[in-house]
């Protein structure tokens, strides 16, 4: 086979200079058939009628295949041609390292997967996944999890951030995504994540109970990628990386994960409004087409909260998800129901309910206003928790406590504040705060201004006009009864 420069000379002499093929062949010392061939083909190539024999490879091919199939490897401890060649030499085989490397390359090529170009139709498919990210919450760096639902047809994306990758976050992400998109697609594609799949039985999946309830409520078909083949849902995999680079870089910050999630959603929306597909169609046009065929949201909506029965301790405390919360003291030693959400917990006991923000695992969240009745009878306890309690009640209780301590000392001040707390328990915070404010303005802290408030509302009875001018020397109930009978119309 001639070199490229020789081919160029042949073609130039015949096609440009006009010499005959015979004269060129004689001049360059090649056959006329060679000259004729390169006048047709500008690039020299070898044409083999049948594959060339490879006797050296044939002698070691069987052993090579055995090694490739029997050696246990990982992605980071993978087989190389050099390692295979060394093993063959140690076993006494005579073979070059290049031959081994060429065979390994061909062996891998034949086993590489061929990807099928897919068609995405409007409203038919959505892809879901979780991605690990880093965020700054109140200035502190922490790991978060990005829930992403992506619609390949229109490119519509919903994203929300969670503190953990658990079932509650998984379900909450779906509910938020469906509400944001205003409808439900026919099927959703997932990894074989344990949040959705309890176990695999052959090609079938046994779904987690809560996820099965979600799919049944919204009537979508859950589909799953092959184990270890995340590229079966490559659209959301690629989109997740793009969102992290385009919308979460630099590391986002905010007062809470919810605030950062709102920022992310706004950024995704702004980017979508400007997006144009390769065929020139705007993403908004595709979304309008897809939105028209989405299934309507069911009414009522799905409740993603996790329901837990909890025992209220003698300290009026409950344990939920590893954290302790105070509840009203009248719930002590009863059973309550906790509806655990992503950001808060709703506690219900005997037709009463309260909502508290979720606390970190291993911490306590105590509100001393839950213990007003007990504190009104325990001045020493009031003395220990007074700073936290008056901070919860707000002003003017903070100023009242400071004044009581300054005038009477800690112990007597706690006794006086305990009486005020008893009034708060009976009449509520607002009227007592108003009376305390008036007393402080008058520079009084002897509680005279609270005397009327301290009287239970049921005891304040309007005296009939016919009895107001009557004075009774003996204070017995039957005397009043007689007067009331006489005064009756």
Protein backbone atom coordinates (compact mmCIF):
# COMPACT_ATOMS: atom_id res chain seq x y z
CA UNK A 1 0.00 0.00 0.00
CA UNK A 2 1.44 3.36 -1.03
CA UNK A 3 1.96 6.30 1.22
CA UNK A 4 -0.31 9.31 0.99
CA UNK A 5 2.37 11.49 -0.67
CA UNK A 6 2.91 8.85 -3.40
CA UNK A 7 -0.81 8.73 -4.10
CA UNK A 8 -0.82 12.51 -4.42
CA UNK A 9 2.04 12.41 -7.03
CA UNK A 10 0.23 9.76 -9.12
CA UNK A 11 -3.05 11.67 -9.15
CA UNK A 12 -1.33 14.99 -9.93
CA UNK A 13 0.69 13.62 -12.88
CA UNK A 14 -2.30 11.98 -14.52
CA UNK A 15 -5.19 14.29 -13.62
CA UNK A 16 -3.38 17.66 -13.67
CA UNK A 17 -0.30 17.25 -15.89
CA UNK A 18 -2.13 14.98 -18.34
CA UNK A 19 0.45 12.15 -18.49
CA UNK A 20 -0.67 8.65 -19.42
CA UNK A 21 -1.10 5.95 -16.83
CA UNK A 22 1.57 3.80 -18.58
CA UNK A 23 4.21 6.55 -18.43
CA UNK A 24 3.46 7.37 -14.80
CA UNK A 25 3.70 3.69 -13.86
CA UNK A 26 7.03 3.36 -15.66
CA UNK A 27 8.36 6.58 -14.08
CA UNK A 28 7.38 5.71 -10.49
CA UNK A 29 8.06 1.98 -10.72
CA UNK A 30 4.54 0.79 -9.91
CA UNK A 31 2.06 -1.27 -11.87
CA UNK A 32 -0.58 0.25 -14.10
CA UNK A 33 -3.27 -1.39 -11.93
CA UNK A 34 -1.97 0.54 -8.91
CA UNK A 35 -2.08 3.81 -10.88
CA UNK A 36 -5.65 3.05 -12.04
CA UNK A 37 -6.75 2.22 -8.49
CA UNK A 38 -5.55 5.48 -6.98
CA UNK A 39 -7.11 7.53 -9.73
CA UNK A 40 -10.46 6.24 -8.41
CA UNK A 41 -9.64 6.23 -4.68
CA UNK A 42 -7.89 9.29 -3.29
CA UNK A 43 -7.19 7.65 0.09
CA UNK A 44 -5.13 4.44 0.26
CA UNK A 45 -6.81 1.59 2.14
CA UNK A 46 -6.21 -2.08 2.70
CA UNK A 47 -8.83 -4.43 1.33
CA UNK A 48 -8.86 -7.84 2.91
CA UNK A 49 -10.75 -10.57 1.19
CA UNK A 50 -10.87 -12.58 4.42
CA UNK A 51 -9.85 -11.78 8.01
CA UNK A 52 -6.18 -12.21 8.74
CA UNK A 53 -5.26 -15.03 11.04
CA UNK A 54 -4.09 -14.17 14.55
CA UNK A 55 -2.33 -17.27 15.79
CA UNK A 56 -0.87 -15.67 18.93
CA UNK A 57 -4.25 -14.31 20.06
CA UNK A 58 -5.97 -17.59 19.26
CA UNK A 59 -3.61 -19.43 21.64
CA UNK A 60 -4.43 -17.16 24.63
CA UNK A 61 -7.98 -16.05 23.79
CA UNK A 62 -9.69 -18.75 25.83
CA UNK A 63 -7.60 -17.98 28.90
CA UNK A 64 -8.19 -14.24 28.44
CA UNK A 65 -11.94 -14.80 28.42
CA UNK A 66 -11.71 -16.92 31.58
CA UNK A 67 -9.79 -14.22 33.41
CA UNK A 68 -12.17 -11.47 32.33
CA UNK A 69 -15.21 -13.44 33.50
CA UNK A 70 -13.76 -14.81 36.75
CA UNK A 71 -11.92 -11.83 38.21
CA UNK A 72 -13.97 -9.84 40.70
CA UNK A 73 -13.53 -6.10 40.15
CA UNK A 74 -15.03 -2.73 41.04
CA UNK A 75 -15.30 0.55 39.15
CA UNK A 76 -12.08 1.74 40.76
CA UNK A 77 -10.35 -1.64 40.71
CA UNK A 78 -11.02 -2.50 37.09
CA UNK A 79 -9.13 -4.80 34.73
CA UNK A 80 -6.41 -3.29 32.54
CA UNK A 81 -4.54 -4.72 29.56
CA UNK A 82 -1.24 -4.45 31.44
CA UNK A 83 -2.57 -6.51 34.35
CA UNK A 84 -3.96 -9.18 32.02
CA UNK A 85 -0.66 -9.37 30.11
CA UNK A 86 1.29 -9.81 33.34
CA UNK A 87 -1.00 -12.65 34.41
CA UNK A 88 -0.58 -14.42 31.08
CA UNK A 89 3.21 -14.09 31.18
CA UNK A 90 3.25 -15.45 34.75
CA UNK A 91 1.31 -18.49 33.49
CA UNK A 92 3.88 -19.08 30.74
CA UNK A 93 2.06 -17.66 27.71
CA UNK A 94 4.05 -15.83 25.02
CA UNK A 95 2.02 -12.80 23.88
CA UNK A 96 2.59 -9.08 23.42
CA UNK A 97 0.90 -6.48 25.58
CA UNK A 98 -0.51 -4.70 22.50
CA UNK A 99 -2.35 -7.86 21.44
CA UNK A 100 -3.89 -8.18 24.90
CA UNK A 101 -4.95 -4.53 25.00
CA UNK A 102 -6.56 -4.71 21.56
CA UNK A 103 -8.54 -7.78 22.56
CA UNK A 104 -9.66 -6.16 25.84
CA UNK A 105 -10.80 -3.06 23.94
CA UNK A 106 -12.83 -5.18 21.48
CA UNK A 107 -14.25 -7.30 24.31
CA UNK A 108 -15.53 -4.19 26.07
CA UNK A 109 -16.88 -2.63 22.87
CA UNK A 110 -19.00 -5.68 22.15
CA UNK A 111 -20.54 -5.51 25.62
CA UNK A 112 -21.27 -1.79 25.66
CA UNK A 113 -24.97 -0.98 25.71
CA UNK A 114 -26.56 0.59 22.66
CA UNK A 115 -28.98 3.36 23.64
CA UNK A 116 -32.33 3.59 21.91
CA UNK A 117 -33.53 7.10 20.95
CA UNK A 118 -36.81 7.58 22.83
CA UNK A 119 -39.93 9.57 22.02
CA UNK A 120 -41.49 11.71 24.78
CA UNK A 121 -45.17 12.54 24.34
CA UNK A 122 -47.10 15.31 26.11
CA UNK A 123 -48.51 14.38 29.52
CA UNK A 124 -47.30 10.80 29.28
CA UNK A 125 -44.13 10.73 31.34
CA UNK A 126 -42.36 12.38 34.25
CA UNK A 127 -39.03 11.42 35.83
CA UNK A 128 -38.25 11.72 39.55
CA UNK A 129 -35.03 11.63 41.56
CA UNK A 130 -33.26 12.93 44.67
CA UNK A 131 -29.89 14.74 44.48
CA UNK A 132 -27.52 15.66 47.29
CA UNK A 133 -26.65 19.37 47.55
CA UNK A 134 -25.04 21.78 50.00
CA UNK A 135 -26.87 24.85 51.30
CA UNK A 136 -26.31 27.62 53.86
CA UNK A 137 -29.16 27.76 56.38
CA UNK A 138 -28.87 30.80 58.65
CA UNK A 139 -25.20 31.01 57.68
CA UNK A 140 -24.40 27.38 58.55
CA UNK A 141 -23.41 24.96 55.79
CA UNK A 142 -25.40 21.73 55.78
CA UNK A 143 -26.27 18.87 53.48
CA UNK A 144 -29.66 18.94 51.82
CA UNK A 145 -31.59 16.79 49.36
CA UNK A 146 -33.08 18.18 46.17
CA UNK A 147 -36.32 16.54 45.04
CA UNK A 148 -36.70 16.93 41.28
CA UNK A 149 -39.64 16.10 39.01
CA UNK A 150 -38.86 16.66 35.32
CA UNK A 151 -41.16 16.45 32.29
CA UNK A 152 -39.01 15.48 29.25
CA UNK A 153 -41.54 16.64 26.64
CA UNK A 154 -41.82 20.28 27.71
CA UNK A 155 -38.75 20.57 29.93
CA UNK A 156 -40.88 21.71 32.87
CA UNK A 157 -39.01 21.24 36.18
CA UNK A 158 -40.12 21.26 39.80
CA UNK A 159 -37.52 21.30 42.55
CA UNK A 160 -37.71 21.48 46.35
CA UNK A 161 -35.10 21.08 49.10
CA UNK A 162 -35.37 18.83 52.15
CA UNK A 163 -33.23 18.16 55.19
CA UNK A 164 -33.33 14.39 54.68
CA UNK A 165 -34.05 11.86 51.97
CA UNK A 166 -36.88 10.01 53.74
CA UNK A 167 -40.39 8.82 52.99
CA UNK A 168 -42.01 11.98 54.33
CA UNK A 169 -39.88 14.21 52.06
CA UNK A 170 -40.48 11.88 49.12
CA UNK A 171 -44.26 12.04 49.47
CA UNK A 172 -44.30 15.75 50.24
CA UNK A 173 -42.26 16.43 47.11
CA UNK A 174 -44.85 14.68 44.93
CA UNK A 175 -47.75 16.56 46.52
CA UNK A 176 -46.00 19.90 46.05
CA UNK A 177 -44.98 19.07 42.47
CA UNK A 178 -48.48 18.04 41.37
CA UNK A 179 -49.99 21.15 42.97
CA UNK A 180 -47.37 23.38 41.29
CA UNK A 181 -47.86 21.81 37.86
CA UNK A 182 -51.63 21.76 38.22
CA UNK A 183 -52.07 18.15 37.12
CA UNK A 184 -50.72 14.59 37.06
CA UNK A 185 -48.88 12.80 34.25
CA UNK A 186 -49.77 9.25 33.19
CA UNK A 187 -46.64 7.61 34.62
CA UNK A 188 -43.54 8.47 36.62
CA UNK A 189 -40.13 6.83 36.28
CA UNK A 190 -37.90 6.13 39.31
CA UNK A 191 -34.77 4.37 40.45
CA UNK A 192 -35.30 1.30 42.57
CA UNK A 193 -35.09 3.48 45.67
CA UNK A 194 -36.26 1.97 48.97
CA UNK A 195 -38.59 4.93 49.52
CA UNK A 196 -40.81 3.45 46.79
CA UNK A 197 -39.81 -0.21 46.46
CA UNK A 198 -39.98 -2.58 49.41
CA UNK A 199 -38.36 -5.44 47.50
CA UNK A 200 -37.96 -6.82 43.99
CA UNK A 201 -39.38 -10.20 43.07
CA UNK A 202 -37.94 -11.03 39.65
CA UNK A 203 -38.98 -8.22 37.35
CA UNK A 204 -41.85 -7.20 39.64
CA UNK A 205 -41.65 -4.66 42.47
CA UNK A 206 -43.46 -4.75 45.77
CA UNK A 207 -44.19 -1.12 46.60
CA UNK A 208 -43.99 0.56 49.97
CA UNK A 209 -47.43 0.98 51.49
CA UNK A 210 -47.36 4.78 51.66
CA UNK A 211 -46.02 5.11 48.11
CA UNK A 212 -48.69 2.70 46.86
CA UNK A 213 -51.30 4.91 48.56
CA UNK A 214 -49.83 7.97 46.80
CA UNK A 215 -49.94 6.31 43.38
CA UNK A 216 -53.49 5.11 44.01
CA UNK A 217 -54.63 8.58 45.09
CA UNK A 218 -53.23 10.38 42.03
CA UNK A 219 -53.76 7.41 39.66
CA UNK A 220 -50.34 7.49 38.01
CA UNK A 221 -48.36 4.42 36.95
CA UNK A 222 -45.03 4.02 38.80
CA UNK A 223 -42.27 2.71 36.51
CA UNK A 224 -38.74 1.76 37.53
CA UNK A 225 -35.36 1.73 35.84
CA UNK A 226 -33.33 -1.46 35.67
CA UNK A 227 -31.21 -2.04 38.80
CA UNK A 228 -27.94 -0.14 38.48
CA UNK A 229 -29.00 1.47 35.19
CA UNK A 230 -29.77 5.06 36.16
CA UNK A 231 -29.47 6.16 32.52
CA UNK A 232 -32.87 4.54 31.92
CA UNK A 233 -34.15 7.87 33.24
CA UNK A 234 -31.30 9.91 31.82
CA UNK A 235 -33.43 13.03 31.30
CA UNK A 236 -33.83 13.75 35.02
CA UNK A 237 -30.23 12.67 35.73
CA UNK A 238 -28.95 15.23 33.25
CA UNK A 239 -31.42 17.87 34.43
CA UNK A 240 -30.44 17.34 38.07
CA UNK A 241 -26.81 18.09 37.27
CA UNK A 242 -27.77 21.17 35.24
CA UNK A 243 -29.97 22.53 38.04
CA UNK A 244 -27.15 22.12 40.54
CA UNK A 245 -24.70 24.01 38.30
CA UNK A 246 -27.05 26.69 36.97
CA UNK A 247 -29.35 27.40 39.93
CA UNK A 248 -27.53 26.19 43.07
CA UNK A 249 -24.09 27.64 42.34
CA UNK A 250 -22.71 29.44 44.28
CA UNK A 251 -24.03 27.64 47.37
CA UNK A 252 -27.47 29.18 48.05
CA UNK A 253 -28.28 30.68 51.43
CA UNK A 254 -31.44 31.59 53.30
CA UNK A 255 -33.15 31.67 56.67
CA UNK A 256 -34.57 28.16 56.15
CA UNK A 257 -34.69 25.34 53.64
CA UNK A 258 -38.18 26.45 52.66
CA UNK A 259 -36.90 29.96 51.85
CA UNK A 260 -34.06 28.54 49.74
CA UNK A 261 -36.54 26.24 47.98
CA UNK A 262 -38.70 29.23 47.06
CA UNK A 263 -35.62 30.91 45.58
CA UNK A 264 -34.82 27.76 43.58
CA UNK A 265 -38.37 27.48 42.25
CA UNK A 266 -38.39 31.13 41.19
CA UNK A 267 -35.06 30.69 39.41
CA UNK A 268 -36.31 27.56 37.61
CA UNK A 269 -39.46 29.39 36.52
CA UNK A 270 -37.54 32.37 35.17
CA UNK A 271 -35.20 30.10 33.22
CA UNK A 272 -38.13 28.12 31.79
CA UNK A 273 -39.86 31.26 30.53
CA UNK A 274 -36.81 32.05 28.37
CA UNK A 275 -36.06 28.50 27.18
CA UNK A 276 -36.21 27.53 23.49
CA UNK A 277 -35.86 23.99 22.15
CA UNK A 278 -33.46 22.99 19.37
CA UNK A 279 -36.28 22.88 16.84
CA UNK A 280 -37.06 26.54 17.56
CA UNK A 281 -40.24 25.96 19.59
CA UNK A 282 -40.50 27.83 22.86
CA UNK A 283 -40.75 25.77 26.04
CA UNK A 284 -43.91 27.68 26.98
CA UNK A 285 -45.66 26.45 23.84
CA UNK A 286 -44.73 22.84 24.61
CA UNK A 287 -45.88 23.26 28.20
CA UNK A 288 -49.27 24.61 27.08
CA UNK A 289 -49.68 21.53 24.91
CA UNK A 290 -48.67 19.21 27.73
CA UNK A 291 -50.65 20.93 30.46
CA UNK A 292 -53.84 20.47 28.45
CA UNK A 293 -53.59 16.67 28.67
CA UNK A 294 -52.50 16.30 32.31
CA UNK A 295 -54.93 14.47 34.57
CA UNK A 296 -56.83 16.73 36.98
CA UNK A 297 -55.80 16.81 40.63
CA UNK A 298 -58.05 14.74 42.90
CA UNK A 299 -60.07 16.42 45.65
CA UNK A 300 -59.31 16.23 48.53
CA UNK A 301 -55.52 16.23 48.21
CA UNK A 302 -53.18 13.55 49.51
CA UNK A 303 -51.95 13.95 53.11
CA UNK A 304 -48.23 13.20 53.13
CA UNK A 305 -47.90 13.53 56.91
CA UNK A 306 -46.80 10.52 58.93
CA UNK A 307 -49.30 9.60 61.67
CA UNK A 308 -47.89 8.47 65.04
CA UNK A 309 -49.61 7.69 68.34
CA UNK A 310 -47.62 9.16 71.25
CA UNK A 311 -47.87 8.99 75.02
CA UNK A 312 -47.88 12.27 76.94
CA UNK A 313 -45.56 11.98 79.93
CA UNK A 314 -46.15 13.26 83.46
CA UNK A 315 -44.07 16.29 82.44
CA UNK A 316 -46.53 17.04 79.61
CA UNK A 317 -43.89 16.09 77.03
CA UNK A 318 -44.10 13.89 73.92
CA UNK A 319 -41.36 12.21 71.90
CA UNK A 320 -41.76 12.48 68.13
CA UNK A 321 -39.07 11.51 65.58
CA UNK A 322 -36.32 11.66 68.18
CA UNK A 323 -37.18 15.13 69.52
CA UNK A 324 -39.14 16.15 72.63
CA UNK A 325 -41.99 18.68 72.62
CA UNK A 326 -44.02 20.22 75.42
CA UNK A 327 -47.82 20.15 75.24
CA UNK A 328 -50.53 21.75 77.43
CA UNK A 329 -50.27 20.37 80.96
CA UNK A 330 -53.92 19.20 80.86
CA UNK A 331 -52.78 16.56 78.30
CA UNK A 332 -50.44 14.92 80.82
CA UNK A 333 -50.68 11.10 81.01
CA UNK A 334 -53.03 10.93 78.00
CA UNK A 335 -52.48 9.58 74.49
CA UNK A 336 -52.10 12.03 71.61
CA UNK A 337 -51.84 11.72 67.83
CA UNK A 338 -48.92 13.33 66.02
CA UNK A 339 -49.25 14.22 62.34
CA UNK A 340 -45.60 14.63 61.36
CA UNK A 341 -44.89 16.97 58.44
CA UNK A 342 -41.68 18.11 56.81
CA UNK A 343 -41.60 21.48 58.59
CA UNK A 344 -44.03 21.10 61.49
CA UNK A 345 -45.97 18.62 63.61
CA UNK A 346 -49.70 18.77 64.37
CA UNK A 347 -50.55 17.29 67.78
CA UNK A 348 -54.14 16.31 68.59
CA UNK A 349 -55.55 15.22 71.97
CA UNK A 350 -59.22 15.07 72.97
CA UNK A 351 -60.44 17.37 70.21
CA UNK A 352 -57.69 19.92 70.96
CA UNK A 353 -54.82 20.47 68.58
CA UNK A 354 -51.62 22.48 68.35
CA UNK A 355 -48.96 22.92 65.66
CA UNK A 356 -45.25 23.14 66.52
CA UNK A 357 -42.22 23.59 64.25
CA UNK A 358 -40.11 20.43 63.90
CA UNK A 359 -37.04 20.29 66.13
CA UNK A 360 -33.76 18.58 65.35
CA UNK A 361 -33.31 15.01 66.49
CA UNK A 362 -32.06 14.78 70.07
CA UNK A 363 -33.28 18.28 71.05
CA UNK A 364 -36.17 19.59 73.16
CA UNK A 365 -38.71 22.28 72.31
CA UNK A 366 -40.39 23.54 75.48
CA UNK A 367 -42.98 26.30 75.70
CA UNK A 368 -43.49 27.28 79.34
CA UNK A 369 -46.85 28.84 78.58
CA UNK A 370 -48.11 25.24 78.51
CA UNK A 371 -47.45 25.08 82.29
CA UNK A 372 -49.16 28.29 83.47
CA UNK A 373 -51.50 26.45 85.84
CA UNK A 374 -48.65 24.59 87.50
CA UNK A 375 -46.39 27.64 87.61
CA UNK A 376 -49.11 29.69 89.33
CA UNK A 377 -48.79 27.25 92.26
CA UNK A 378 -45.00 26.84 92.19
CA UNK A 379 -43.12 30.11 92.76
CA UNK A 380 -39.75 28.38 92.96
CA UNK A 381 -40.34 26.89 89.50
CA UNK A 382 -41.36 30.34 88.25
CA UNK A 383 -38.07 31.73 89.54
CA UNK A 384 -36.10 29.17 87.50
CA UNK A 385 -37.92 29.58 84.19
CA UNK A 386 -39.03 33.22 84.42
CA UNK A 387 -36.64 34.59 81.72
CA UNK A 388 -37.79 32.00 79.17
CA UNK A 389 -41.45 32.35 80.16
CA UNK A 390 -41.68 36.15 79.93
CA UNK A 391 -39.86 35.98 76.57
CA UNK A 392 -42.67 33.72 75.31
CA UNK A 393 -45.43 35.94 76.75
CA UNK A 394 -43.80 39.10 75.40
CA UNK A 395 -44.06 42.60 76.76
CA UNK A 396 -45.02 43.98 79.21
CA UNK A 397 -44.34 40.77 81.18
CA UNK A 398 -40.59 41.16 80.75
CA UNK A 399 -40.68 44.63 82.32
CA UNK A 400 -43.00 43.39 85.07
CA UNK A 401 -40.60 40.62 86.05
CA UNK A 402 -37.65 43.01 86.08
CA UNK A 403 -39.59 45.44 88.31
CA UNK A 404 -40.72 42.71 90.72
CA UNK A 405 -37.18 41.39 91.14
CA UNK A 406 -35.79 44.88 91.64
CA UNK A 407 -38.32 45.79 94.36
CA UNK A 408 -38.97 42.52 96.18
CA UNK A 409 -36.12 40.21 95.26
CA UNK A 410 -36.21 36.94 93.35
CA UNK A 411 -38.31 34.83 95.71
CA UNK A 412 -41.06 37.33 96.51
CA UNK A 413 -41.05 38.55 92.92
CA UNK A 414 -41.62 34.98 91.75
CA UNK A 415 -44.56 34.64 94.17
CA UNK A 416 -46.16 37.78 92.80
CA UNK A 417 -45.53 36.74 89.18
CA UNK A 418 -47.07 33.33 89.96
CA UNK A 419 -50.34 35.10 90.89
CA UNK A 420 -50.24 36.99 87.61
CA UNK A 421 -49.71 33.71 85.75
CA UNK A 422 -52.79 32.24 87.44
CA UNK A 423 -54.79 35.16 86.09
CA UNK A 424 -53.30 34.63 82.61
CA UNK A 425 -54.37 30.97 82.78
CA UNK A 426 -57.95 31.97 83.66
CA UNK A 427 -58.47 35.06 81.50
CA UNK A 428 -55.92 34.87 78.66
CA UNK A 429 -52.80 36.84 77.83
CA UNK A 430 -54.30 39.93 76.14
CA UNK A 431 -56.49 41.33 78.99
CA UNK A 432 -53.84 40.63 81.61
CA UNK A 433 -51.15 42.26 79.47
CA UNK A 434 -53.37 45.35 79.18
CA UNK A 435 -53.84 45.52 82.96
CA UNK A 436 -50.13 44.98 83.61
CA UNK A 437 -49.28 47.76 81.15
CA UNK A 438 -51.63 50.11 82.98
CA UNK A 439 -50.12 49.16 86.37
CA UNK A 440 -46.59 49.72 85.10
CA UNK A 441 -47.50 53.12 83.71
CA UNK A 442 -48.83 54.01 87.18
CA UNK A 443 -45.64 52.60 88.73
CA UNK A 444 -47.64 49.96 90.64
CA UNK A 445 -46.72 46.32 91.02
CA UNK A 446 -48.93 45.35 94.03
CA UNK A 447 -51.40 43.62 91.69
CA UNK A 448 -54.36 45.82 92.75
CA UNK A 449 -54.99 46.58 89.11
CA UNK A 450 -55.45 42.85 88.51
CA UNK A 451 -58.05 42.29 91.24
CA UNK A 452 -60.98 42.36 88.86
CA UNK A 453 -59.23 40.17 86.31
CA UNK A 454 -58.34 37.67 89.03
CA UNK A 455 -62.02 37.04 89.69
CA UNK A 456 -63.31 34.24 87.44
CA UNK A 457 -65.69 35.43 84.76
CA UNK A 458 -68.49 33.18 86.06
CA UNK A 459 -68.40 34.93 89.45
CA UNK A 460 -69.17 38.37 88.00
CA UNK A 461 -73.01 38.40 88.34
CA UNK A 462 -75.05 41.51 87.66
CA UNK A 463 -77.01 42.54 90.83
CA UNK A 464 -80.74 43.11 90.13
CA UNK A 465 -81.86 46.73 90.53
CA UNK A 466 -84.39 45.77 93.26
CA UNK A 467 -81.58 44.39 95.47
CA UNK A 468 -79.02 47.15 95.13
CA UNK A 469 -80.45 49.31 97.98
CA UNK A 470 -81.04 46.46 100.45
CA UNK A 471 -78.63 45.75 103.28
CA UNK A 472 -78.74 42.32 104.99
CA UNK A 473 -77.12 41.96 108.39
CA UNK A 474 -76.78 38.20 108.25
CA UNK A 475 -74.99 36.82 105.25
CA UNK A 476 -76.92 33.59 104.60
CA UNK A 477 -77.97 32.27 101.24
CA UNK A 478 -81.62 31.76 102.23
CA UNK A 479 -81.98 35.48 102.93
CA UNK A 480 -80.93 36.25 99.36
CA UNK A 481 -83.25 33.54 98.03
CA UNK A 482 -86.19 35.09 99.83
CA UNK A 483 -85.44 38.51 98.39
CA UNK A 484 -85.06 37.13 94.89
CA UNK A 485 -88.43 35.36 95.15
CA UNK A 486 -90.02 38.57 96.32
CA UNK A 487 -88.39 40.58 93.55
CA UNK A 488 -89.51 38.20 90.82
CA UNK A 489 -92.22 39.70 88.54
